[in-house]
Amino acid sequence: MVQLYSQNHNSDMTEKDLSYVNGHRERLRQKFLETRLVDYELMELLLMYAIPRVDVKPIVKNLLKEFGTVTNILCQPIEELTRVHGVGQNTAIFLKALMDVTKREHAAPLRDNPVFYEPSILENYAKIMFAGKMVEEFHVLYLDGKYKLLRDDVHSSGTIDWAAIYPREVVRIALNVNASAVILMHNHPSGNANFSTDDMKVTRELQSALNVVGIQLYDHILVAGGIVFSAKNMQMF
């Protein structure tokens, strides 16, 4: 059977091939309505709406081989997605839009309620923000006087085991958005589940800088190996 990778090759598809693709897509739709799809089937279902009249199985196989999981696929930058054979710009944008919706859904409860209202909400938000990240990122969450989320900034993006943080910039933005508290949040792509000496050094330096202007450092969160660690709960500052 001819397996096509882009819409540009639709003219090469025989009637037999097209009949198979249409039949497979309909079976997948019905299975979604009746039961739970496994990861590769879910990716097929998504891609069949982004790439019409094409057998998307090979594309899904390429994506999973490259990135491992559905979540990791959705977290990749557009330029990484389009490196995969069969994934064009439009498909990459479609996948990134899905991830953006997911992130917004996780952020909404933090904007409507204090971050301590339900600890699992903040933990899940941290997990989704760093899922699939191959380099260390440092985020700063700015909170209002009721500890609701005002803004989440990607402060810096670094290497597998390092990302910079600039206390003066954090303080400047906190003042600009009228924040009353700040949460630091970063990941360890290596899976190292410990705050490093440098992590805690910069935490204390930033805490001191924020104290000068009357802004609280609420917590420093680390995500490693899919687990969330709180420096506040661990009494590390």
C-alpha atoms as a PDB file:
ATOM      1  CA  MET A   1       0.000   0.000   0.000  1.00  0.00           C
ATOM      2  CA  VAL A   2       1.263   3.471  -0.819  1.00  0.00           C
ATOM      3  CA  GLN A   3       1.841   5.498   2.358  1.00  0.00           C
ATOM      4  CA  LEU A   4       1.779   9.225   1.849  1.00  0.00           C
ATOM      5  CA  TYR A   5       3.355  11.799   4.122  1.00  0.00           C
ATOM      6  CA  SER A   6       2.011  15.128   2.951  1.00  0.00           C
ATOM      7  CA  GLN A   7      -1.050  16.596   1.372  1.00  0.00           C
ATOM      8  CA  ASN A   8       1.020  17.468  -1.687  1.00  0.00           C
ATOM      9  CA  HIS A   9       1.117  13.780  -2.636  1.00  0.00           C
ATOM     10  CA  ASN A  10      -2.628  13.179  -2.574  1.00  0.00           C
ATOM     11  CA  SER A  11      -2.669  12.816  -6.350  1.00  0.00           C
ATOM     12  CA  ASP A  12      -0.532   9.653  -5.976  1.00  0.00           C
ATOM     13  CA  MET A  13      -3.177   7.913  -3.856  1.00  0.00           C
ATOM     14  CA  THR A  14      -5.183   5.225  -5.638  1.00  0.00           C
ATOM     15  CA  GLU A  15      -8.890   4.744  -5.077  1.00  0.00           C
ATOM     16  CA  LYS A  16      -8.055   1.590  -3.091  1.00  0.00           C
ATOM     17  CA  ASP A  17      -5.634   3.511  -0.878  1.00  0.00           C
ATOM     18  CA  LEU A  18      -8.139   6.317  -0.335  1.00  0.00           C
ATOM     19  CA  SER A  19     -10.858   3.822   0.525  1.00  0.00           C
ATOM     20  CA  TYR A  20      -8.595   2.213   3.133  1.00  0.00           C
ATOM     21  CA  VAL A  21      -7.677   5.582   4.696  1.00  0.00           C
ATOM     22  CA  ASN A  22     -11.306   6.714   4.861  1.00  0.00           C
ATOM     23  CA  GLY A  23     -12.395   3.404   6.338  1.00  0.00           C
ATOM     24  CA  HIS A  24      -9.626   3.447   8.933  1.00  0.00           C
ATOM     25  CA  ARG A  25     -10.491   6.989   9.938  1.00  0.00           C
ATOM     26  CA  GLU A  26     -14.135   6.125  10.402  1.00  0.00           C
ATOM     27  CA  ARG A  27     -13.230   3.079  12.512  1.00  0.00           C
ATOM     28  CA  LEU A  28     -10.982   5.279  14.652  1.00  0.00           C
ATOM     29  CA  ARG A  29     -13.764   7.823  15.176  1.00  0.00           C
ATOM     30  CA  GLN A  30     -16.139   5.088  16.271  1.00  0.00           C
ATOM     31  CA  LYS A  31     -13.580   3.574  18.614  1.00  0.00           C
ATOM     32  CA  PHE A  32     -13.041   6.992  20.209  1.00  0.00           C
ATOM     33  CA  LEU A  33     -16.776   7.268  20.860  1.00  0.00           C
ATOM     34  CA  GLU A  34     -17.010   3.767  22.309  1.00  0.00           C
ATOM     35  CA  THR A  35     -13.787   3.276  24.283  1.00  0.00           C
ATOM     36  CA  ARG A  36     -10.408   4.749  25.254  1.00  0.00           C
ATOM     37  CA  LEU A  37      -7.742   5.131  22.583  1.00  0.00           C
ATOM     38  CA  VAL A  38      -4.111   4.245  23.232  1.00  0.00           C
ATOM     39  CA  ASP A  39      -1.478   6.927  22.589  1.00  0.00           C
ATOM     40  CA  TYR A  40      -0.693   6.162  18.954  1.00  0.00           C
ATOM     41  CA  GLU A  41      -4.408   5.966  18.109  1.00  0.00           C
ATOM     42  CA  LEU A  42      -5.054   9.297  19.801  1.00  0.00           C
ATOM     43  CA  MET A  43      -2.268  10.899  17.765  1.00  0.00           C
ATOM     44  CA  GLU A  44      -3.746   9.396  14.598  1.00  0.00           C
ATOM     45  CA  LEU A  45      -7.141  10.847  15.479  1.00  0.00           C
ATOM     46  CA  LEU A  46      -5.635  14.294  16.001  1.00  0.00           C
ATOM     47  CA  LEU A  47      -3.544  14.266  12.851  1.00  0.00           C
ATOM     48  CA  MET A  48      -6.325  13.037  10.600  1.00  0.00           C
ATOM     49  CA  TYR A  49      -8.079  16.389  11.180  1.00  0.00           C
ATOM     50  CA  ALA A  50      -4.870  18.308  10.433  1.00  0.00           C
ATOM     51  CA  ILE A  51      -3.832  16.248   7.393  1.00  0.00           C
ATOM     52  CA  PRO A  52      -6.761  15.213   5.180  1.00  0.00           C
ATOM     53  CA  ARG A  53      -6.758  12.305   2.720  1.00  0.00           C
ATOM     54  CA  VAL A  54      -3.439  10.896   3.953  1.00  0.00           C
ATOM     55  CA  ASP A  55      -2.490   7.771   5.874  1.00  0.00           C
ATOM     56  CA  VAL A  56      -1.109   9.377   9.041  1.00  0.00           C
ATOM     57  CA  LYS A  57       0.112   6.140  10.653  1.00  0.00           C
ATOM     58  CA  PRO A  58       3.713   6.546   9.412  1.00  0.00           C
ATOM     59  CA  ILE A  59       3.777  10.155  10.614  1.00  0.00           C
ATOM     60  CA  VAL A  60       2.565   9.151  14.088  1.00  0.00           C
ATOM     61  CA  LYS A  61       5.176   6.392  14.182  1.00  0.00           C
ATOM     62  CA  ASN A  62       7.899   8.915  13.315  1.00  0.00           C
ATOM     63  CA  LEU A  63       6.722  11.372  15.982  1.00  0.00           C
ATOM     64  CA  LEU A  64       6.556   8.761  18.736  1.00  0.00           C
ATOM     65  CA  LYS A  65       9.938   7.348  17.740  1.00  0.00           C
ATOM     66  CA  GLU A  66      11.464  10.824  17.952  1.00  0.00           C
ATOM     67  CA  PHE A  67       9.766  12.172  21.098  1.00  0.00           C
ATOM     68  CA  GLY A  68       8.435   9.165  22.997  1.00  0.00           C
ATOM     69  CA  THR A  69       5.005  10.248  24.250  1.00  0.00           C
ATOM     70  CA  VAL A  70       2.002  12.295  23.147  1.00  0.00           C
ATOM     71  CA  THR A  71       2.745  14.920  25.791  1.00  0.00           C
ATOM     72  CA  ASN A  72       6.360  15.197  24.673  1.00  0.00           C
ATOM     73  CA  ILE A  73       5.222  15.629  21.076  1.00  0.00           C
ATOM     74  CA  LEU A  74       2.851  18.473  21.969  1.00  0.00           C
ATOM     75  CA  CYS A  75       5.566  20.197  24.015  1.00  0.00           C
ATOM     76  CA  GLN A  76       8.107  20.405  21.193  1.00  0.00           C
ATOM     77  CA  PRO A  77       8.883  23.700  19.438  1.00  0.00           C
ATOM     78  CA  ILE A  78       7.505  24.044  15.928  1.00  0.00           C
ATOM     79  CA  GLU A  79      10.985  23.789  14.411  1.00  0.00           C
ATOM     80  CA  GLU A  80      11.531  20.434  16.138  1.00  0.00           C
ATOM     81  CA  LEU A  81       8.181  19.060  14.976  1.00  0.00           C
ATOM     82  CA  THR A  82       8.772  20.041  11.364  1.00  0.00           C
ATOM     83  CA  ARG A  83      12.052  18.118  11.358  1.00  0.00           C
ATOM     84  CA  VAL A  84       9.997  14.927  11.511  1.00  0.00           C
ATOM     85  CA  HIS A  85       9.212  13.460   8.100  1.00  0.00           C
ATOM     86  CA  GLY A  86       5.600  14.156   7.164  1.00  0.00           C
ATOM     87  CA  VAL A  87       5.044  17.058   9.586  1.00  0.00           C
ATOM     88  CA  GLY A  88       4.558  20.379   7.838  1.00  0.00           C
ATOM     89  CA  GLN A  89       4.159  23.865   9.251  1.00  0.00           C
ATOM     90  CA  ASN A  90       0.365  23.683   9.467  1.00  0.00           C
ATOM     91  CA  THR A  91       0.429  20.360  11.309  1.00  0.00           C
ATOM     92  CA  ALA A  92       3.040  21.665  13.759  1.00  0.00           C
ATOM     93  CA  ILE A  93       0.947  24.771  14.447  1.00  0.00           C
ATOM     94  CA  PHE A  94      -2.129  22.587  15.021  1.00  0.00           C
ATOM     95  CA  LEU A  95      -0.262  20.468  17.596  1.00  0.00           C
ATOM     96  CA  LYS A  96       1.153  23.546  19.348  1.00  0.00           C
ATOM     97  CA  ALA A  97      -2.315  25.099  19.499  1.00  0.00           C
ATOM     98  CA  LEU A  98      -3.573  21.988  21.290  1.00  0.00           C
ATOM     99  CA  MET A  99      -0.774  22.352  23.832  1.00  0.00           C
ATOM    100  CA  ASP A 100      -1.545  26.029  24.296  1.00  0.00           C
ATOM    101  CA  VAL A 101      -5.164  25.177  25.108  1.00  0.00           C
ATOM    102  CA  THR A 102      -3.960  22.608  27.659  1.00  0.00           C
ATOM    103  CA  LYS A 103      -1.654  25.116  29.345  1.00  0.00           C
ATOM    104  CA  ARG A 104      -4.402  27.726  29.516  1.00  0.00           C
ATOM    105  CA  GLU A 105      -6.772  25.216  31.102  1.00  0.00           C
ATOM    106  CA  HIS A 106      -4.196  24.480  33.802  1.00  0.00           C
ATOM    107  CA  ALA A 107      -3.489  28.186  34.372  1.00  0.00           C
ATOM    108  CA  ALA A 108      -7.154  29.237  34.682  1.00  0.00           C
ATOM    109  CA  PRO A 109      -7.728  27.874  38.234  1.00  0.00           C
ATOM    110  CA  LEU A 110      -4.554  29.631  39.406  1.00  0.00           C
ATOM    111  CA  ARG A 111      -5.879  32.941  38.090  1.00  0.00           C
ATOM    112  CA  ASP A 112      -9.235  32.448  39.808  1.00  0.00           C
ATOM    113  CA  ASN A 113      -8.076  31.087  43.178  1.00  0.00           C
ATOM    114  CA  PRO A 114      -5.102  31.465  45.544  1.00  0.00           C
ATOM    115  CA  VAL A 115      -2.242  29.153  44.541  1.00  0.00           C
ATOM    116  CA  PHE A 116      -2.559  27.349  47.888  1.00  0.00           C
ATOM    117  CA  TYR A 117      -6.309  26.706  47.405  1.00  0.00           C
ATOM    118  CA  GLU A 118      -5.618  23.254  45.971  1.00  0.00           C
ATOM    119  CA  PRO A 119      -1.902  22.295  45.924  1.00  0.00           C
ATOM    120  CA  SER A 120      -2.393  19.681  43.204  1.00  0.00           C
ATOM    121  CA  ILE A 121      -3.472  22.396  40.757  1.00  0.00           C
ATOM    122  CA  LEU A 122      -0.142  24.209  41.069  1.00  0.00           C
ATOM    123  CA  GLU A 123       1.724  20.895  40.872  1.00  0.00           C
ATOM    124  CA  ASN A 124      -0.099  19.858  37.708  1.00  0.00           C
ATOM    125  CA  TYR A 125       0.532  23.272  36.190  1.00  0.00           C
ATOM    126  CA  ALA A 126       4.255  22.920  36.902  1.00  0.00           C
ATOM    127  CA  LYS A 127       4.318  19.440  35.360  1.00  0.00           C
ATOM    128  CA  ILE A 128       2.596  20.532  32.156  1.00  0.00           C
ATOM    129  CA  MET A 129       4.828  23.604  31.772  1.00  0.00           C
ATOM    130  CA  PHE A 130       7.985  21.490  31.849  1.00  0.00           C
ATOM    131  CA  ALA A 131       6.753  18.308  30.182  1.00  0.00           C
ATOM    132  CA  GLY A 132       9.043  17.252  27.366  1.00  0.00           C
ATOM    133  CA  LYS A 133      11.566  20.032  27.992  1.00  0.00           C
ATOM    134  CA  MET A 134      15.071  18.958  27.019  1.00  0.00           C
ATOM    135  CA  VAL A 135      16.821  21.995  28.487  1.00  0.00           C
ATOM    136  CA  GLU A 136      16.535  23.720  31.830  1.00  0.00           C
ATOM    137  CA  GLU A 137      14.043  26.587  31.987  1.00  0.00           C
ATOM    138  CA  PHE A 138      13.446  29.089  34.744  1.00  0.00           C
ATOM    139  CA  HIS A 139       9.922  30.459  35.144  1.00  0.00           C
ATOM    140  CA  VAL A 140       8.750  33.217  37.454  1.00  0.00           C
ATOM    141  CA  LEU A 141       5.106  33.271  38.545  1.00  0.00           C
ATOM    142  CA  TYR A 142       3.914  36.692  39.707  1.00  0.00           C
ATOM    143  CA  LEU A 143       1.022  36.696  42.208  1.00  0.00           C
ATOM    144  CA  ASP A 144      -1.364  39.406  43.328  1.00  0.00           C
ATOM    145  CA  GLY A 145      -2.260  40.297  46.918  1.00  0.00           C
ATOM    146  CA  LYS A 146      -4.638  37.312  47.100  1.00  0.00           C
ATOM    147  CA  TYR A 147      -1.971  34.929  45.790  1.00  0.00           C
ATOM    148  CA  LYS A 148      -3.686  34.548  42.426  1.00  0.00           C
ATOM    149  CA  LEU A 149      -1.600  34.196  39.276  1.00  0.00           C
ATOM    150  CA  LEU A 150      -0.985  37.456  37.452  1.00  0.00           C
ATOM    151  CA  ARG A 151       1.682  36.353  35.017  1.00  0.00           C
ATOM    152  CA  ASP A 152       4.010  33.466  34.183  1.00  0.00           C
ATOM    153  CA  ASP A 153       7.270  34.500  32.544  1.00  0.00           C
ATOM    154  CA  VAL A 154       9.824  32.178  30.987  1.00  0.00           C
ATOM    155  CA  HIS A 155      12.680  34.036  32.633  1.00  0.00           C
ATOM    156  CA  SER A 156      15.454  32.090  30.895  1.00  0.00           C
ATOM    157  CA  SER A 157      16.195  28.936  28.939  1.00  0.00           C
ATOM    158  CA  GLY A 158      19.605  27.314  29.244  1.00  0.00           C
ATOM    159  CA  THR A 159      21.237  23.905  28.842  1.00  0.00           C
ATOM    160  CA  ILE A 160      20.582  20.409  30.131  1.00  0.00           C
ATOM    161  CA  ASP A 161      21.745  21.398  33.618  1.00  0.00           C
ATOM    162  CA  TRP A 162      21.824  25.191  33.836  1.00  0.00           C
ATOM    163  CA  ALA A 163      19.627  28.265  33.373  1.00  0.00           C
ATOM    164  CA  ALA A 164      20.363  31.832  34.453  1.00  0.00           C
ATOM    165  CA  ILE A 165      18.254  34.004  36.732  1.00  0.00           C
ATOM    166  CA  TYR A 166      18.554  37.769  37.073  1.00  0.00           C
ATOM    167  CA  PRO A 167      17.158  39.092  40.377  1.00  0.00           C
ATOM    168  CA  ARG A 168      17.026  42.697  39.192  1.00  0.00           C
ATOM    169  CA  GLU A 169      14.822  41.728  36.228  1.00  0.00           C
ATOM    170  CA  VAL A 170      12.491  39.701  38.449  1.00  0.00           C
ATOM    171  CA  VAL A 171      12.104  42.641  40.827  1.00  0.00           C
ATOM    172  CA  ARG A 172      11.514  45.054  37.944  1.00  0.00           C
ATOM    173  CA  ILE A 173       8.695  42.962  36.468  1.00  0.00           C
ATOM    174  CA  ALA A 174       7.190  42.290  39.903  1.00  0.00           C
ATOM    175  CA  LEU A 175       6.922  46.023  40.506  1.00  0.00           C
ATOM    176  CA  ASN A 176       5.556  46.671  37.001  1.00  0.00           C
ATOM    177  CA  VAL A 177       2.719  44.162  37.408  1.00  0.00           C
ATOM    178  CA  ASN A 178       2.084  45.168  41.018  1.00  0.00           C
ATOM    179  CA  ALA A 179       2.852  41.687  42.308  1.00  0.00           C
ATOM    180  CA  SER A 180       2.735  40.949  46.028  1.00  0.00           C
ATOM    181  CA  ALA A 181       4.476  37.580  45.829  1.00  0.00           C
ATOM    182  CA  VAL A 182       6.608  35.513  43.473  1.00  0.00           C
ATOM    183  CA  ILE A 183       7.067  31.798  42.832  1.00  0.00           C
ATOM    184  CA  LEU A 184      10.240  30.526  41.191  1.00  0.00           C
ATOM    185  CA  MET A 185       9.855  27.412  39.086  1.00  0.00           C
ATOM    186  CA  HIS A 186      12.456  25.420  37.165  1.00  0.00           C
ATOM    187  CA  ASN A 187      13.136  21.927  35.873  1.00  0.00           C
ATOM    188  CA  HIS A 188      15.987  19.420  35.867  1.00  0.00           C
ATOM    189  CA  PRO A 189      15.809  17.602  32.508  1.00  0.00           C
ATOM    190  CA  SER A 190      18.524  15.259  33.780  1.00  0.00           C
ATOM    191  CA  GLY A 191      16.052  13.947  36.374  1.00  0.00           C
ATOM    192  CA  ASN A 192      18.187  15.051  39.328  1.00  0.00           C
ATOM    193  CA  ALA A 193      15.617  15.407  42.106  1.00  0.00           C
ATOM    194  CA  ASN A 194      17.689  17.663  44.352  1.00  0.00           C
ATOM    195  CA  PHE A 195      17.894  21.447  44.522  1.00  0.00           C
ATOM    196  CA  SER A 196      21.507  22.257  43.744  1.00  0.00           C
ATOM    197  CA  THR A 197      23.699  24.511  45.877  1.00  0.00           C
ATOM    198  CA  ASP A 198      23.424  27.147  43.137  1.00  0.00           C
ATOM    199  CA  ASP A 199      19.628  26.758  43.068  1.00  0.00           C
ATOM    200  CA  MET A 200      19.386  27.618  46.735  1.00  0.00           C
ATOM    201  CA  LYS A 201      21.997  30.361  46.552  1.00  0.00           C
ATOM    202  CA  VAL A 202      20.057  32.223  43.876  1.00  0.00           C
ATOM    203  CA  THR A 203      16.810  31.577  45.785  1.00  0.00           C
ATOM    204  CA  ARG A 204      18.149  33.347  48.863  1.00  0.00           C
ATOM    205  CA  GLU A 205      19.637  36.173  46.793  1.00  0.00           C
ATOM    206  CA  LEU A 206      16.320  36.759  45.084  1.00  0.00           C
ATOM    207  CA  GLN A 207      14.445  36.544  48.366  1.00  0.00           C
ATOM    208  CA  SER A 208      16.671  39.303  49.766  1.00  0.00           C
ATOM    209  CA  ALA A 209      16.163  41.478  46.664  1.00  0.00           C
ATOM    210  CA  LEU A 210      12.382  41.053  46.838  1.00  0.00           C
ATOM    211  CA  ASN A 211      12.279  41.758  50.580  1.00  0.00           C
ATOM    212  CA  VAL A 212      13.808  45.177  49.944  1.00  0.00           C
ATOM    213  CA  VAL A 213      10.732  46.193  47.924  1.00  0.00           C
ATOM    214  CA  GLY A 214       8.218  44.400  50.139  1.00  0.00           C
ATOM    215  CA  ILE A 215       7.493  41.446  47.849  1.00  0.00           C
ATOM    216  CA  GLN A 216       7.322  37.907  49.206  1.00  0.00           C
ATOM    217  CA  LEU A 217       9.137  34.927  47.740  1.00  0.00           C
ATOM    218  CA  TYR A 218       6.324  32.409  48.154  1.00  0.00           C
ATOM    219  CA  ASP A 219       8.108  29.264  46.962  1.00  0.00           C
ATOM    220  CA  HIS A 220      10.699  27.750  44.660  1.00  0.00           C
ATOM    221  CA  ILE A 221       9.395  24.721  42.762  1.00  0.00           C
ATOM    222  CA  LEU A 222      11.529  22.089  41.058  1.00  0.00           C
ATOM    223  CA  VAL A 223      10.196  19.613  38.499  1.00  0.00           C
ATOM    224  CA  ALA A 224      12.390  16.562  37.938  1.00  0.00           C
ATOM    225  CA  GLY A 225      11.434  13.202  36.503  1.00  0.00           C
ATOM    226  CA  GLY A 226       7.785  14.213  36.457  1.00  0.00           C
ATOM    227  CA  ILE A 227       7.805  14.882  40.221  1.00  0.00           C
ATOM    228  CA  VAL A 228       7.248  18.293  41.809  1.00  0.00           C
ATOM    229  CA  PHE A 229       9.373  19.421  44.764  1.00  0.00           C
ATOM    230  CA  SER A 230       8.722  22.507  46.906  1.00  0.00           C
ATOM    231  CA  ALA A 231      11.643  24.264  48.575  1.00  0.00           C
ATOM    232  CA  LYS A 232       9.139  25.880  50.944  1.00  0.00           C
ATOM    233  CA  ASN A 233       7.703  22.547  52.042  1.00  0.00           C
ATOM    234  CA  MET A 234      11.219  21.181  52.418  1.00  0.00           C
ATOM    235  CA  GLN A 235      12.051  24.199  54.627  1.00  0.00           C
ATOM    236  CA  MET A 236      15.026  25.110  52.445  1.00  0.00           C
ATOM    237  CA  PHE A 237      14.563  28.901  52.780  1.00  0.00           C
END
